[in-house]
Amino acid sequence: MRAIGLSFLMCGMGSIVLTGCVPPEIQDDVGGLTAADFECISLNGFDPEDNEVDINDYAWSMEYFQPDGADRGYVYVGTGNDMIGLIYQGISAMMGMAELGDVLARPPEIRRYRDDIFRLAWERVLDYRDVEDDPDFETIGFRYMKVYRAQSDGVNYLYAATMGREAILWRTATGEPGSWQIVWQSGLVGSVRMLAEHNGLLYVAVANEVPVGEQIGKIFVTDGDQFWPVVEDGFGNPDNLGVMCLASYNDWLYAGTLNKATGYEIWKLAGPEGSDGPVQIVANGGPSSANQAAISRCIFKNRLYIGSMLDPMANIIAGGKASDIIRIDTSDEWQTVVGPDSLSGYDSGFDHWPNTYIWSMAVHDGWFYTATYDQVSAFFNVLENMDRVIEALSRRSRTANVFEQWFNAGADLYKTQDGVHWYPVTLTGFGDVGNYGLRTMKSVGDYLYVGTANPFDGLEVWRGRSR
């Protein structure tokens, strides 16, 4: 691995050398989507006036929904708000400059894409300004959305799950403004991290990633009417602080955890006999115990792919260890696809140490796409604003400098047709280093929609179609 070296003196840890890799060559003649096939279909943060006040940083959730009886459907996006501000608030709390748990949240919203009006039109359908009182907002984002036809009444609903002082589940049968209702209040701090349909029921993964309130992985399930617990004890391991992903695969429900002590775990439950499981499939973070969480999943060619996450400090402490991808077959044998001794030949993070999350996955037109969070932009933003970090006052300041270019800043998008041979689509967040993550993806008809995480200028939504 050829690299540019950069040393930083970390408090109490000595000198750690982080390496920025020579980026792979982008090949546009192998098939699938190329960067040139994508167009941006939103303004930053949806609209400047709203973004200036509410700071729509992340396209945190995305789903396509066509209500019963409707002639057409729309792509819906839920926001995550003021993420840099929340990070700095956390730093302030750790430094004793604020109470742990104090959050100055900005209200999230859900919008839907109205290209039937014009190309950049995003209609607001739910706004937390109408739910909570200004300035005492307690909800910071809509973290996941899922379409589910309820077993209880046969109606097709769009569900939207929140993160905040309480994880809450909303739904709508029409998608229209004014039609959204709260259907479940967890009573738990944190977020509904993921929703998955399995054997006609909707499963709800709960995780609390902040050190306030209870931290233990939980799974609930609903038929659209009643909710009941399935897992309440982190699969018997108190270090499983949350359930981060769910997938219905091979007649079982698979669940990935957050475990900062020994690395993520993968379990399967609710098997073909109904009461089967839970059974552990992967332990110790798979390829590396540094893999703290299993956060993304996708079924491709009858294998279940799982992407990992490390928080930025864990990435640095581990000497630049990035995220990995594994795949599980129907016999529950697993292989490393991206990571140490991988099938693809790519080391962790696709040979790029700042890729600390494999953040989203999707299958589109026969190709499997996966995208990253690249912390270079955020890292240098922190360095350049260290005075404001210390004071915990900084919120947003775009950084695009020579260091970012050296380190190939901006989120990466890769594609494969076989799960082994991977090709980069973009290595620079579609040419905007502020897009440090490609947070959500959804295949809808001819288009692959991609929602970005951009805490510097506001989220963007892109879509790609083969020419």
Protein backbone atom coordinates (compact mmCIF):
# COMPACT_ATOMS: atom_id res chain seq x y z
CA MET A 1 0.00 0.00 0.00
CA ARG A 2 1.62 3.23 -1.13
CA ALA A 3 0.70 6.12 1.09
CA ILE A 4 1.29 9.65 2.25
CA GLY A 5 2.09 9.65 5.95
CA LEU A 6 0.81 12.20 8.46
CA SER A 7 1.57 12.01 12.16
CA PHE A 8 -0.53 13.40 14.94
CA LEU A 9 0.34 13.51 18.61
CA MET A 10 -2.68 12.17 20.43
CA CYS A 11 -3.02 12.97 24.11
CA GLY A 12 -1.64 10.09 26.12
CA MET A 13 -1.27 7.82 23.08
CA GLY A 14 2.01 8.87 21.55
CA SER A 15 2.49 9.26 17.82
CA ILE A 16 0.05 7.53 15.49
CA VAL A 17 0.74 7.51 11.76
CA LEU A 18 -2.35 7.67 9.60
CA THR A 19 -1.95 6.84 5.94
CA GLY A 20 -3.74 8.32 2.96
CA CYS A 21 -3.77 5.84 0.09
CA VAL A 22 -3.23 6.34 -3.59
CA PRO A 23 -6.83 6.15 -4.86
CA PRO A 24 -7.82 3.38 -7.26
CA GLU A 25 -8.43 4.21 -10.87
CA ILE A 26 -12.05 4.81 -11.78
CA GLN A 27 -13.08 2.69 -14.76
CA ASP A 28 -16.18 3.83 -16.61
CA ASP A 29 -16.30 0.94 -19.08
CA VAL A 30 -17.10 -2.00 -16.77
CA GLY A 31 -20.88 -1.52 -16.65
CA GLY A 32 -23.22 -0.23 -14.02
CA LEU A 33 -23.61 3.41 -13.08
CA THR A 34 -20.77 5.91 -13.37
CA ALA A 35 -20.41 9.25 -11.60
CA ALA A 36 -21.44 10.97 -14.82
CA ASP A 37 -24.78 9.14 -14.69
CA PHE A 38 -25.77 10.96 -11.49
CA GLU A 39 -27.42 14.36 -11.14
CA CYS A 40 -28.12 16.37 -8.01
CA ILE A 41 -31.89 16.80 -7.61
CA SER A 42 -32.01 18.97 -4.49
CA LEU A 43 -30.75 22.22 -3.13
CA ASN A 44 -28.46 21.88 -0.12
CA GLY A 45 -30.63 21.14 2.90
CA PHE A 46 -33.69 21.28 0.59
CA ASP A 47 -34.01 25.08 0.73
CA PRO A 48 -31.65 27.81 1.97
CA GLU A 49 -34.06 29.54 4.33
CA ASP A 50 -35.10 26.38 6.16
CA ASN A 51 -31.58 24.96 6.15
CA GLU A 52 -30.16 28.11 7.73
CA VAL A 53 -32.49 27.73 10.72
CA ASP A 54 -32.97 23.98 11.11
CA ILE A 55 -29.65 22.75 9.65
CA ASN A 56 -30.74 19.77 7.56
CA ASP A 57 -27.43 17.92 7.57
CA TYR A 58 -28.25 14.30 6.77
CA ALA A 59 -30.56 12.51 4.36
CA TRP A 60 -30.85 10.08 7.24
CA SER A 61 -33.67 7.90 5.89
CA MET A 62 -35.12 7.21 2.47
CA GLU A 63 -38.01 5.14 1.13
CA TYR A 64 -40.30 4.90 -1.88
CA PHE A 65 -44.00 4.79 -1.03
CA GLN A 66 -47.08 4.36 -3.19
CA PRO A 67 -50.26 4.38 -1.07
CA ASP A 68 -53.14 2.01 -1.73
CA GLY A 69 -55.27 3.34 -4.56
CA ALA A 70 -52.74 5.99 -5.63
CA ASP A 71 -51.74 6.41 -9.26
CA ARG A 72 -48.09 6.97 -8.39
CA GLY A 73 -45.64 7.01 -5.50
CA TYR A 74 -42.85 9.29 -4.33
CA VAL A 75 -39.39 9.07 -2.80
CA TYR A 76 -39.47 10.26 0.82
CA VAL A 77 -36.44 11.54 2.76
CA GLY A 78 -36.18 12.11 6.51
CA THR A 79 -33.56 14.50 7.83
CA GLY A 80 -30.96 14.37 10.58
CA ASN A 81 -30.27 17.85 11.91
CA ASP A 82 -27.24 19.82 13.13
CA MET A 83 -24.95 16.83 13.50
CA ILE A 84 -21.75 18.85 13.93
CA GLY A 85 -23.47 20.93 16.59
CA LEU A 86 -24.50 17.76 18.43
CA ILE A 87 -20.96 16.40 18.24
CA TYR A 88 -19.55 19.60 19.71
CA GLN A 89 -22.20 19.54 22.43
CA GLY A 90 -21.00 16.04 23.31
CA ILE A 91 -17.40 17.25 23.43
CA SER A 92 -18.50 20.10 25.68
CA ALA A 93 -20.20 17.65 28.05
CA MET A 94 -17.14 15.42 28.19
CA MET A 95 -15.02 18.47 29.04
CA GLY A 96 -17.37 19.38 31.89
CA MET A 97 -18.66 22.49 30.15
CA ALA A 98 -22.26 21.23 29.95
CA GLU A 99 -24.48 18.66 31.57
CA LEU A 100 -24.34 15.22 29.98
CA GLY A 101 -27.59 14.74 28.17
CA ASP A 102 -28.26 18.41 27.47
CA VAL A 103 -29.11 18.63 23.77
CA LEU A 104 -29.86 21.74 21.73
CA ALA A 105 -31.66 19.86 18.97
CA ARG A 106 -32.93 21.22 15.68
CA PRO A 107 -36.31 19.90 14.47
CA PRO A 108 -36.17 17.24 11.70
CA GLU A 109 -38.61 16.87 8.84
CA ILE A 110 -39.73 14.51 6.11
CA ARG A 111 -39.99 15.62 2.48
CA ARG A 112 -41.00 13.87 -0.71
CA TYR A 113 -39.62 14.37 -4.19
CA ARG A 114 -42.08 16.14 -6.49
CA ASP A 115 -40.41 16.05 -9.88
CA ASP A 116 -43.96 16.27 -11.28
CA ILE A 117 -43.79 19.91 -10.14
CA PHE A 118 -40.16 20.66 -11.10
CA ARG A 119 -36.78 18.95 -10.88
CA LEU A 120 -35.68 20.36 -7.50
CA ALA A 121 -39.08 20.28 -5.75
CA TRP A 122 -39.18 18.63 -2.31
CA GLU A 123 -42.53 18.92 -0.55
CA ARG A 124 -42.54 19.00 3.25
CA VAL A 125 -44.99 16.39 4.62
CA LEU A 126 -44.01 16.24 8.33
CA ASP A 127 -42.15 18.86 10.35
CA TYR A 128 -41.17 18.50 14.01
CA ARG A 129 -41.74 22.23 14.43
CA ASP A 130 -45.40 21.22 14.47
CA VAL A 131 -44.76 18.50 17.08
CA GLU A 132 -42.38 19.94 19.70
CA ASP A 133 -42.07 23.42 21.13
CA ASP A 134 -39.38 25.86 20.03
CA PRO A 135 -36.74 26.06 21.45
CA ASP A 136 -37.18 22.88 23.52
CA PHE A 137 -36.78 20.39 20.69
CA GLU A 138 -35.84 16.87 21.79
CA THR A 139 -35.87 14.96 18.48
CA ILE A 140 -32.88 15.22 16.14
CA GLY A 141 -33.81 13.10 13.15
CA PHE A 142 -35.80 10.49 11.30
CA ARG A 143 -33.35 7.61 11.26
CA TYR A 144 -35.16 4.97 9.23
CA MET A 145 -38.22 4.56 7.00
CA LYS A 146 -39.93 1.40 5.84
CA VAL A 147 -43.06 0.46 3.89
CA TYR A 148 -45.08 -2.27 5.59
CA ARG A 149 -48.51 -3.68 4.81
CA ALA A 150 -49.87 -4.23 8.30
CA GLN A 151 -50.97 -7.73 9.10
CA SER A 152 -53.60 -6.32 11.44
CA ASP A 153 -55.68 -4.38 8.89
CA GLY A 154 -54.12 -5.04 5.47
CA VAL A 155 -53.31 -1.36 4.86
CA ASN A 156 -50.02 -0.33 3.26
CA TYR A 157 -48.25 2.22 5.51
CA LEU A 158 -45.05 4.24 5.40
CA TYR A 159 -43.34 4.03 8.82
CA ALA A 160 -40.77 6.60 9.98
CA ALA A 161 -38.59 6.13 13.07
CA THR A 162 -36.88 8.84 15.12
CA MET A 163 -33.79 9.44 17.23
CA GLY A 164 -33.90 11.72 20.26
CA ARG A 165 -34.81 11.80 23.91
CA GLU A 166 -37.32 9.09 23.02
CA ALA A 167 -37.29 6.70 20.07
CA ILE A 168 -40.69 7.05 18.39
CA LEU A 169 -42.40 5.39 15.43
CA TRP A 170 -44.69 7.33 13.08
CA ARG A 171 -46.77 6.11 10.13
CA THR A 172 -49.03 7.32 7.36
CA ALA A 173 -51.38 5.57 4.95
CA THR A 174 -51.27 8.34 2.35
CA GLY A 175 -47.99 10.22 2.79
CA GLU A 176 -49.90 13.50 2.76
CA PRO A 177 -49.25 16.38 5.16
CA GLY A 178 -51.49 16.06 8.20
CA SER A 179 -51.89 12.29 7.83
CA TRP A 180 -48.98 11.21 10.03
CA GLN A 181 -49.63 9.58 13.40
CA ILE A 182 -47.47 8.30 16.25
CA VAL A 183 -48.10 4.55 16.57
CA TRP A 184 -45.45 3.60 19.14
CA GLN A 185 -43.46 5.39 21.82
CA SER A 186 -40.61 3.26 23.11
CA GLY A 187 -39.98 5.09 26.38
CA LEU A 188 -36.27 4.65 25.54
CA VAL A 189 -33.56 7.20 24.82
CA GLY A 190 -31.89 6.72 21.43
CA SER A 191 -33.25 5.61 18.10
CA VAL A 192 -35.11 3.04 16.15
CA ARG A 193 -32.08 2.18 14.10
CA MET A 194 -33.72 -0.10 11.53
CA LEU A 195 -37.03 -1.73 10.56
CA ALA A 196 -37.42 -5.03 8.71
CA GLU A 197 -40.39 -7.11 7.61
CA HIS A 198 -40.11 -10.82 8.38
CA ASN A 199 -42.83 -13.45 8.04
CA GLY A 200 -45.54 -10.81 7.82
CA LEU A 201 -44.49 -8.86 10.92
CA LEU A 202 -42.49 -5.63 11.26
CA TYR A 203 -39.42 -5.86 13.50
CA VAL A 204 -37.99 -2.79 15.22
CA ALA A 205 -34.30 -2.51 16.19
CA VAL A 206 -33.54 -0.13 19.06
CA ALA A 207 -30.12 1.31 19.92
CA ASN A 208 -28.94 4.01 22.28
CA GLU A 209 -25.53 5.28 21.17
CA VAL A 210 -25.24 8.06 23.75
CA PRO A 211 -24.24 7.50 27.39
CA VAL A 212 -27.59 8.65 28.75
CA GLY A 213 -30.29 6.21 29.81
CA GLU A 214 -30.26 2.46 29.30
CA GLN A 215 -27.79 1.03 26.79
CA ILE A 216 -28.73 -2.50 25.80
CA GLY A 217 -29.82 -3.97 22.47
CA LYS A 218 -33.55 -4.50 22.04
CA ILE A 219 -35.86 -5.76 19.30
CA PHE A 220 -39.62 -5.25 19.24
CA VAL A 221 -42.18 -6.50 16.74
CA THR A 222 -45.60 -5.39 15.55
CA ASP A 223 -48.44 -6.65 13.42
CA GLY A 224 -49.46 -3.05 12.79
CA ASP A 225 -51.62 -2.91 15.89
CA GLN A 226 -49.90 -4.43 18.92
CA PHE A 227 -46.18 -4.14 19.81
CA TRP A 228 -44.31 -6.66 21.93
CA PRO A 229 -40.65 -7.32 22.84
CA VAL A 230 -38.58 -10.05 21.22
CA VAL A 231 -35.09 -9.29 22.56
CA GLU A 232 -34.57 -7.08 25.61
CA ASP A 233 -31.14 -8.12 26.93
CA GLY A 234 -28.70 -7.65 24.04
CA PHE A 235 -28.83 -11.39 23.33
CA GLY A 236 -27.64 -12.03 26.87
CA ASN A 237 -24.51 -9.89 26.46
CA PRO A 238 -24.49 -6.55 28.35
CA ASP A 239 -21.81 -5.28 25.96
CA ASN A 240 -24.30 -5.42 23.08
CA LEU A 241 -25.36 -1.80 23.57
CA GLY A 242 -27.80 -1.71 20.67
CA VAL A 243 -29.27 -3.57 17.72
CA MET A 244 -28.14 -1.71 14.63
CA CYS A 245 -29.39 -3.68 11.63
CA LEU A 246 -31.98 -6.30 10.71
CA ALA A 247 -32.44 -8.49 7.64
CA SER A 248 -34.92 -11.19 6.68
CA TYR A 249 -32.75 -13.84 5.03
CA ASN A 250 -32.95 -17.59 4.46
CA ASP A 251 -36.21 -17.86 6.49
CA TRP A 252 -34.58 -16.23 9.53
CA LEU A 253 -34.34 -12.73 10.93
CA TYR A 254 -30.69 -11.65 11.23
CA ALA A 255 -29.64 -8.91 13.65
CA GLY A 256 -26.36 -7.03 14.01
CA THR A 257 -25.29 -5.37 17.25
CA LEU A 258 -23.21 -2.49 18.58
CA ASN A 259 -20.45 -3.84 20.84
CA LYS A 260 -17.51 -1.58 21.65
CA ALA A 261 -15.87 -4.11 23.98
CA THR A 262 -15.29 -7.11 21.71
CA GLY A 263 -16.72 -6.11 18.32
CA TYR A 264 -20.14 -6.55 16.78
CA GLU A 265 -22.13 -9.77 16.86
CA ILE A 266 -24.56 -11.21 14.30
CA TRP A 267 -27.47 -13.31 15.54
CA LYS A 268 -30.41 -15.00 13.85
CA LEU A 269 -33.84 -15.51 15.39
CA ALA A 270 -37.50 -16.04 14.49
CA GLY A 271 -36.63 -18.94 12.22
CA PRO A 272 -38.87 -21.08 10.02
CA GLU A 273 -40.43 -22.80 13.03
CA GLY A 274 -41.46 -19.44 14.47
CA SER A 275 -39.91 -19.85 17.90
CA ASP A 276 -36.40 -20.78 16.72
CA GLY A 277 -33.27 -18.98 17.92
CA PRO A 278 -31.54 -16.88 18.81
CA VAL A 279 -28.35 -18.38 17.37
CA GLN A 280 -25.04 -16.53 17.16
CA ILE A 281 -23.52 -16.48 13.66
CA VAL A 282 -20.63 -13.98 13.94
CA ALA A 283 -18.69 -12.82 17.00
CA ASN A 284 -15.86 -10.39 17.76
CA GLY A 285 -16.55 -8.05 14.88
CA GLY A 286 -16.00 -10.67 12.22
CA PRO A 287 -12.63 -9.85 10.61
CA SER A 288 -11.60 -7.55 13.50
CA SER A 289 -12.74 -6.78 17.02
CA ALA A 290 -12.27 -3.10 16.08
CA ASN A 291 -15.51 -3.37 14.06
CA GLN A 292 -17.80 -1.91 16.70
CA ALA A 293 -21.15 -2.14 14.93
CA ALA A 294 -22.87 -3.94 12.07
CA ILE A 295 -24.81 -1.06 10.51
CA SER A 296 -25.63 -1.84 6.88
CA ARG A 297 -26.97 -4.94 5.22
CA CYS A 298 -28.09 -6.10 1.81
CA ILE A 299 -29.04 -9.40 0.17
CA PHE A 300 -27.30 -9.91 -3.14
CA LYS A 301 -27.25 -13.12 -5.16
CA ASN A 302 -28.54 -15.13 -2.21
CA ARG A 303 -25.90 -13.92 0.25
CA LEU A 304 -26.32 -11.51 3.13
CA TYR A 305 -23.73 -8.69 3.11
CA ILE A 306 -22.96 -6.80 6.33
CA GLY A 307 -21.00 -3.53 6.59
CA SER A 308 -19.30 -2.35 9.77
CA MET A 309 -18.75 0.91 11.64
CA LEU A 310 -15.99 2.25 13.85
CA ASP A 311 -16.35 5.58 15.58
CA PRO A 312 -13.68 8.11 14.56
CA MET A 313 -11.69 7.82 17.79
CA ALA A 314 -11.65 4.02 17.56
CA ASN A 315 -10.38 4.39 14.00
CA ILE A 316 -7.48 6.53 15.20
CA ILE A 317 -6.67 4.42 18.27
CA ALA A 318 -6.53 1.33 16.06
CA GLY A 319 -3.92 3.04 13.91
CA GLY A 320 -6.23 3.89 11.03
CA LYS A 321 -8.34 0.73 11.00
CA ALA A 322 -11.31 1.27 8.68
CA SER A 323 -14.60 -0.57 8.15
CA ASP A 324 -15.08 -4.05 6.70
CA ILE A 325 -17.68 -5.98 4.72
CA ILE A 326 -18.51 -9.65 5.23
CA ARG A 327 -21.02 -11.91 3.55
CA ILE A 328 -22.97 -14.82 5.00
CA ASP A 329 -24.29 -17.75 2.95
CA THR A 330 -27.31 -19.98 3.52
CA SER A 331 -25.17 -22.36 5.61
CA ASP A 332 -24.21 -19.44 7.88
CA GLU A 333 -20.59 -19.58 6.76
CA TRP A 334 -19.13 -16.11 6.44
CA GLN A 335 -16.30 -14.61 4.40
CA THR A 336 -14.51 -11.27 4.45
CA VAL A 337 -15.31 -9.33 1.28
CA VAL A 338 -13.53 -6.07 2.17
CA GLY A 339 -11.01 -6.14 5.02
CA PRO A 340 -8.09 -8.28 6.21
CA ASP A 341 -7.33 -11.18 3.81
CA SER A 342 -10.46 -10.36 1.83
CA LEU A 343 -11.91 -12.05 -1.25
CA SER A 344 -11.75 -8.76 -3.14
CA GLY A 345 -8.15 -7.94 -2.30
CA TYR A 346 -9.29 -4.67 -0.75
CA ASP A 347 -8.17 -4.05 2.81
CA SER A 348 -10.45 -2.32 5.29
CA GLY A 349 -12.29 0.76 4.00
CA PHE A 350 -11.48 -0.15 0.40
CA ASP A 351 -7.82 0.63 1.20
CA HIS A 352 -8.74 4.08 2.56
CA TRP A 353 -8.27 4.45 6.32
CA PRO A 354 -10.79 7.30 6.84
CA ASN A 355 -13.69 5.13 5.56
CA THR A 356 -14.87 4.32 9.06
CA TYR A 357 -18.46 3.39 8.09
CA ILE A 358 -19.88 1.20 5.39
CA TRP A 359 -22.95 3.38 5.60
CA SER A 360 -25.41 2.18 2.96
CA MET A 361 -26.02 -0.64 0.50
CA ALA A 362 -28.42 -1.20 -2.40
CA VAL A 363 -28.97 -3.42 -5.42
CA HIS A 364 -29.84 -1.66 -8.67
CA ASP A 365 -30.15 -3.05 -12.20
CA GLY A 366 -28.10 -6.16 -11.41
CA TRP A 367 -25.30 -4.32 -9.61
CA PHE A 368 -24.60 -4.14 -5.89
CA TYR A 369 -23.61 -0.67 -4.63
CA THR A 370 -22.10 0.20 -1.27
CA ALA A 371 -21.14 3.60 0.11
CA THR A 372 -18.96 4.97 2.91
CA TYR A 373 -18.56 7.68 5.49
CA ASP A 374 -15.15 9.29 4.93
CA GLN A 375 -14.07 11.23 8.00
CA VAL A 376 -11.34 13.29 6.32
CA SER A 377 -13.56 16.35 5.84
CA ALA A 378 -14.85 16.19 9.39
CA PHE A 379 -11.37 15.54 10.80
CA PHE A 380 -9.83 18.61 9.25
CA ASN A 381 -12.86 20.69 10.10
CA VAL A 382 -12.21 19.83 13.74
CA LEU A 383 -8.50 20.65 13.46
CA GLU A 384 -9.12 24.00 11.79
CA ASN A 385 -11.76 24.93 14.36
CA MET A 386 -10.05 23.61 17.46
CA ASP A 387 -10.72 26.80 19.41
CA ARG A 388 -14.42 26.44 18.82
CA VAL A 389 -14.29 22.72 19.51
CA ILE A 390 -12.77 23.44 22.91
CA GLU A 391 -15.44 26.04 23.58
CA ALA A 392 -18.08 23.73 22.05
CA LEU A 393 -19.49 26.67 20.13
CA SER A 394 -18.71 25.69 16.57
CA ARG A 395 -21.53 24.48 14.42
CA ARG A 396 -20.69 24.64 10.73
CA SER A 397 -17.68 25.74 8.75
CA ARG A 398 -16.94 24.23 5.39
CA THR A 399 -13.35 23.04 4.99
CA ALA A 400 -11.97 22.22 1.57
CA ASN A 401 -8.22 22.50 1.66
CA VAL A 402 -5.11 20.81 0.39
CA PHE A 403 -5.14 18.24 3.19
CA GLU A 404 -8.57 17.05 2.13
CA GLN A 405 -7.42 16.68 -1.44
CA TRP A 406 -4.32 14.73 -0.38
CA PHE A 407 -6.45 12.35 1.59
CA ASN A 408 -9.09 11.85 -1.10
CA ALA A 409 -11.87 13.48 0.92
CA GLY A 410 -15.55 12.89 0.29
CA ALA A 411 -17.60 9.71 0.52
CA ASP A 412 -16.90 6.72 -1.70
CA LEU A 413 -19.36 4.70 -3.77
CA TYR A 414 -18.36 1.26 -5.05
CA LYS A 415 -20.13 -1.29 -7.27
CA THR A 416 -19.83 -5.00 -8.02
CA GLN A 417 -21.62 -7.63 -10.07
CA ASP A 418 -20.28 -10.65 -8.19
CA GLY A 419 -19.47 -9.40 -4.68
CA VAL A 420 -15.75 -9.94 -5.26
CA HIS A 421 -14.62 -7.55 -7.98
CA TRP A 422 -15.37 -3.97 -6.92
CA TYR A 423 -15.10 -0.77 -8.93
CA PRO A 424 -15.24 2.82 -7.63
CA VAL A 425 -18.00 5.09 -8.91
CA THR A 426 -16.98 8.21 -6.98
CA LEU A 427 -14.26 8.77 -4.38
CA THR A 428 -15.08 12.43 -3.67
CA GLY A 429 -18.75 12.58 -2.68
CA PHE A 430 -19.78 13.28 -6.29
CA GLY A 431 -17.15 16.00 -6.48
CA ASP A 432 -18.15 17.74 -3.22
CA VAL A 433 -15.88 16.94 -0.26
CA GLY A 434 -18.61 18.28 2.03
CA ASN A 435 -20.53 15.10 1.21
CA TYR A 436 -18.58 13.09 3.73
CA GLY A 437 -21.14 10.28 3.70
CA LEU A 438 -23.52 8.68 1.24
CA ARG A 439 -26.03 7.89 3.95
CA THR A 440 -28.99 6.35 2.14
CA MET A 441 -29.69 4.62 -1.17
CA LYS A 442 -32.87 3.42 -2.82
CA SER A 443 -33.45 1.78 -6.19
CA VAL A 444 -36.69 3.01 -7.77
CA GLY A 445 -37.42 2.01 -11.37
CA ASP A 446 -34.63 3.22 -13.65
CA TYR A 447 -33.02 5.37 -10.93
CA LEU A 448 -30.71 4.79 -7.99
CA TYR A 449 -31.36 7.56 -5.44
CA VAL A 450 -28.55 8.54 -3.04
CA GLY A 451 -28.91 10.82 -0.04
CA THR A 452 -25.80 12.47 1.37
CA ALA A 453 -24.58 13.50 4.80
CA ASN A 454 -23.20 17.02 4.48
CA PRO A 455 -22.96 18.98 7.74
CA PHE A 456 -21.10 21.83 6.06
CA ASP A 457 -23.58 22.93 3.38
CA GLY A 458 -26.63 20.76 4.02
CA LEU A 459 -27.74 17.39 2.68
CA GLU A 460 -28.06 16.62 -1.01
CA VAL A 461 -30.03 14.02 -2.95
CA TRP A 462 -28.63 12.56 -6.16
CA ARG A 463 -30.05 10.08 -8.63
CA GLY A 464 -28.34 7.99 -11.26
CA ARG A 465 -29.67 6.34 -14.39
CA SER A 466 -27.75 4.44 -17.03
CA ARG A 467 -27.43 6.41 -20.23
